[in-house]
Amino acid sequence: MPLTVDPSGLSRELYAMEQRTLGRMSAYAQTAAKQLEAAAKAEAPWTDHTGHARGGLTGASSRSGSVIRITLSGSVRYLVYLELAHGKRFAVLWPTLQKHQGRILNGFARVFSSGGT
């Protein structure tokens, strides 16, 4: 008596699980990006003159296929000077990313290990 297995059902379910996991990871990335933005605004080491530099700090996330990207950026032209000049003592983007990267990666690991259910 031969055993017949239809792998199409398994393939569909694995694809659905992958999509659910990517969706959950994308949602987590959006949350993490907003947390980075809030942290950068709170921890910016400069004294505001106009508030434009602090107000222009933005966290965002995007997904292209299975690649999820989190960005932290600033919208004012002089942010490059805050980040790189004066011995980098006014830098906020890179220090914020470094400070929170472990927590964010652990969050992704938790989302991934919980599966697509």
C-alpha atoms as a PDB file:
ATOM      1  CA  MET A   1       0.000   0.000   0.000  1.00  0.00           C
ATOM      2  CA  PRO A   2       1.795   3.188  -1.163  1.00  0.00           C
ATOM      3  CA  LEU A   3       1.743   6.311   0.972  1.00  0.00           C
ATOM      4  CA  THR A   4       0.684   9.415  -0.923  1.00  0.00           C
ATOM      5  CA  VAL A   5       1.590  12.838   0.404  1.00  0.00           C
ATOM      6  CA  ASP A   6       0.364  16.090  -1.092  1.00  0.00           C
ATOM      7  CA  PRO A   7       3.092  18.687  -0.305  1.00  0.00           C
ATOM      8  CA  SER A   8       1.049  21.603  -1.692  1.00  0.00           C
ATOM      9  CA  GLY A   9      -0.831  21.976   1.581  1.00  0.00           C
ATOM     10  CA  LEU A  10       2.410  22.046   3.536  1.00  0.00           C
ATOM     11  CA  SER A  11       3.904  24.564   1.127  1.00  0.00           C
ATOM     12  CA  ARG A  12       0.889  26.870   1.446  1.00  0.00           C
ATOM     13  CA  GLU A  13       0.949  26.677   5.237  1.00  0.00           C
ATOM     14  CA  LEU A  14       4.702  27.394   5.396  1.00  0.00           C
ATOM     15  CA  TYR A  15       4.229  30.392   3.117  1.00  0.00           C
ATOM     16  CA  ALA A  16       1.335  31.651   5.256  1.00  0.00           C
ATOM     17  CA  MET A  17       3.430  31.227   8.404  1.00  0.00           C
ATOM     18  CA  GLU A  18       6.291  33.157   6.793  1.00  0.00           C
ATOM     19  CA  GLN A  19       3.937  35.993   5.845  1.00  0.00           C
ATOM     20  CA  ARG A  20       2.442  36.160   9.351  1.00  0.00           C
ATOM     21  CA  THR A  21       5.922  36.268  10.890  1.00  0.00           C
ATOM     22  CA  LEU A  22       7.062  38.998   8.495  1.00  0.00           C
ATOM     23  CA  GLY A  23       3.906  40.966   9.271  1.00  0.00           C
ATOM     24  CA  ARG A  24       4.543  40.712  13.001  1.00  0.00           C
ATOM     25  CA  MET A  25       8.191  41.680  12.514  1.00  0.00           C
ATOM     26  CA  SER A  26       7.143  44.689  10.406  1.00  0.00           C
ATOM     27  CA  ALA A  27       4.734  45.800  13.119  1.00  0.00           C
ATOM     28  CA  TYR A  28       7.470  45.418  15.723  1.00  0.00           C
ATOM     29  CA  ALA A  29       9.864  47.430  13.517  1.00  0.00           C
ATOM     30  CA  GLN A  30       7.357  50.299  13.377  1.00  0.00           C
ATOM     31  CA  THR A  31       7.090  50.293  17.162  1.00  0.00           C
ATOM     32  CA  ALA A  32      10.863  50.106  17.601  1.00  0.00           C
ATOM     33  CA  ALA A  33      11.381  52.984  15.144  1.00  0.00           C
ATOM     34  CA  LYS A  34       8.990  55.226  17.087  1.00  0.00           C
ATOM     35  CA  GLN A  35      10.718  54.249  20.345  1.00  0.00           C
ATOM     36  CA  LEU A  36      14.079  55.210  18.810  1.00  0.00           C
ATOM     37  CA  GLU A  37      12.613  58.529  17.703  1.00  0.00           C
ATOM     38  CA  ALA A  38      11.278  59.253  21.189  1.00  0.00           C
ATOM     39  CA  ALA A  39      14.586  58.274  22.792  1.00  0.00           C
ATOM     40  CA  ALA A  40      16.593  60.458  20.397  1.00  0.00           C
ATOM     41  CA  LYS A  41      14.348  63.450  21.053  1.00  0.00           C
ATOM     42  CA  ALA A  42      14.580  62.943  24.816  1.00  0.00           C
ATOM     43  CA  GLU A  43      18.324  62.269  24.906  1.00  0.00           C
ATOM     44  CA  ALA A  44      19.584  64.825  22.355  1.00  0.00           C
ATOM     45  CA  PRO A  45      22.603  66.389  24.083  1.00  0.00           C
ATOM     46  CA  TRP A  46      22.185  69.925  22.835  1.00  0.00           C
ATOM     47  CA  THR A  47      20.252  72.931  24.097  1.00  0.00           C
ATOM     48  CA  ASP A  48      17.425  73.864  21.764  1.00  0.00           C
ATOM     49  CA  HIS A  49      17.442  77.278  20.167  1.00  0.00           C
ATOM     50  CA  THR A  50      14.523  76.843  17.783  1.00  0.00           C
ATOM     51  CA  GLY A  51      13.514  73.212  18.426  1.00  0.00           C
ATOM     52  CA  HIS A  52      13.784  72.391  14.727  1.00  0.00           C
ATOM     53  CA  ALA A  53      16.655  69.905  15.107  1.00  0.00           C
ATOM     54  CA  ARG A  54      14.939  67.968  17.902  1.00  0.00           C
ATOM     55  CA  GLY A  55      11.552  68.164  16.207  1.00  0.00           C
ATOM     56  CA  GLY A  56      13.040  66.915  12.945  1.00  0.00           C
ATOM     57  CA  LEU A  57      14.318  63.638  14.416  1.00  0.00           C
ATOM     58  CA  THR A  58      12.314  60.823  12.872  1.00  0.00           C
ATOM     59  CA  GLY A  59      12.239  57.059  13.293  1.00  0.00           C
ATOM     60  CA  ALA A  60      10.765  55.007  10.474  1.00  0.00           C
ATOM     61  CA  SER A  61      10.636  51.432   9.249  1.00  0.00           C
ATOM     62  CA  SER A  62      10.170  49.829   5.854  1.00  0.00           C
ATOM     63  CA  ARG A  63       9.965  46.349   4.405  1.00  0.00           C
ATOM     64  CA  SER A  64      11.082  45.122   1.021  1.00  0.00           C
ATOM     65  CA  GLY A  65      10.433  41.425   0.628  1.00  0.00           C
ATOM     66  CA  SER A  66      11.953  39.786   3.673  1.00  0.00           C
ATOM     67  CA  VAL A  67      14.253  42.730   4.464  1.00  0.00           C
ATOM     68  CA  ILE A  68      13.068  44.997   7.269  1.00  0.00           C
ATOM     69  CA  ARG A  69      14.845  48.325   7.742  1.00  0.00           C
ATOM     70  CA  ILE A  70      14.655  50.726  10.675  1.00  0.00           C
ATOM     71  CA  THR A  71      16.003  54.234  10.166  1.00  0.00           C
ATOM     72  CA  LEU A  72      16.610  57.157  12.467  1.00  0.00           C
ATOM     73  CA  SER A  73      17.205  60.466  10.729  1.00  0.00           C
ATOM     74  CA  GLY A  74      17.005  64.208  11.071  1.00  0.00           C
ATOM     75  CA  SER A  75      15.463  66.719   8.729  1.00  0.00           C
ATOM     76  CA  VAL A  76      17.508  69.873   9.375  1.00  0.00           C
ATOM     77  CA  ARG A  77      20.471  70.591   7.114  1.00  0.00           C
ATOM     78  CA  TYR A  78      22.801  71.375  10.004  1.00  0.00           C
ATOM     79  CA  LEU A  79      22.243  68.038  11.757  1.00  0.00           C
ATOM     80  CA  VAL A  80      25.410  66.765  10.091  1.00  0.00           C
ATOM     81  CA  TYR A  81      27.350  69.365  12.112  1.00  0.00           C
ATOM     82  CA  LEU A  82      25.649  68.300  15.331  1.00  0.00           C
ATOM     83  CA  GLU A  83      26.533  64.680  14.541  1.00  0.00           C
ATOM     84  CA  LEU A  84      30.124  65.112  13.357  1.00  0.00           C
ATOM     85  CA  ALA A  85      31.566  68.436  14.536  1.00  0.00           C
ATOM     86  CA  HIS A  86      32.773  69.417  18.004  1.00  0.00           C
ATOM     87  CA  GLY A  87      34.221  65.986  18.719  1.00  0.00           C
ATOM     88  CA  LYS A  88      30.768  64.440  18.087  1.00  0.00           C
ATOM     89  CA  ARG A  89      29.616  65.554  21.527  1.00  0.00           C
ATOM     90  CA  PHE A  90      26.248  66.673  20.107  1.00  0.00           C
ATOM     91  CA  ALA A  91      25.696  63.440  18.154  1.00  0.00           C
ATOM     92  CA  VAL A  92      22.356  61.757  18.764  1.00  0.00           C
ATOM     93  CA  LEU A  93      21.565  59.427  15.847  1.00  0.00           C
ATOM     94  CA  TRP A  94      24.376  56.881  16.099  1.00  0.00           C
ATOM     95  CA  PRO A  95      24.575  56.902  19.920  1.00  0.00           C
ATOM     96  CA  THR A  96      20.815  56.280  20.156  1.00  0.00           C
ATOM     97  CA  LEU A  97      21.013  53.389  17.696  1.00  0.00           C
ATOM     98  CA  GLN A  98      23.948  51.857  19.574  1.00  0.00           C
ATOM     99  CA  LYS A  99      22.257  52.244  22.946  1.00  0.00           C
ATOM    100  CA  HIS A 100      19.019  50.547  21.866  1.00  0.00           C
ATOM    101  CA  GLN A 101      20.244  47.983  19.312  1.00  0.00           C
ATOM    102  CA  GLY A 102      20.403  45.079  21.769  1.00  0.00           C
ATOM    103  CA  ARG A 103      16.850  45.628  22.962  1.00  0.00           C
ATOM    104  CA  ILE A 104      15.576  45.906  19.395  1.00  0.00           C
ATOM    105  CA  LEU A 105      17.380  42.767  18.219  1.00  0.00           C
ATOM    106  CA  ASN A 106      16.087  40.848  21.244  1.00  0.00           C
ATOM    107  CA  GLY A 107      12.588  42.038  20.376  1.00  0.00           C
ATOM    108  CA  PHE A 108      12.966  40.730  16.827  1.00  0.00           C
ATOM    109  CA  ALA A 109      14.200  37.408  18.207  1.00  0.00           C
ATOM    110  CA  ARG A 110      11.121  37.154  20.464  1.00  0.00           C
ATOM    111  CA  VAL A 111       8.776  37.956  17.573  1.00  0.00           C
ATOM    112  CA  PHE A 112      10.523  35.439  15.318  1.00  0.00           C
ATOM    113  CA  SER A 113      10.614  32.661  17.910  1.00  0.00           C
ATOM    114  CA  SER A 114       6.902  33.061  18.622  1.00  0.00           C
ATOM    115  CA  GLY A 115       6.297  31.953  15.043  1.00  0.00           C
ATOM    116  CA  GLY A 116       3.574  33.078  12.711  1.00  0.00           C
ATOM    117  CA  THR A 117       0.720  31.884  14.855  1.00  0.00           C
END
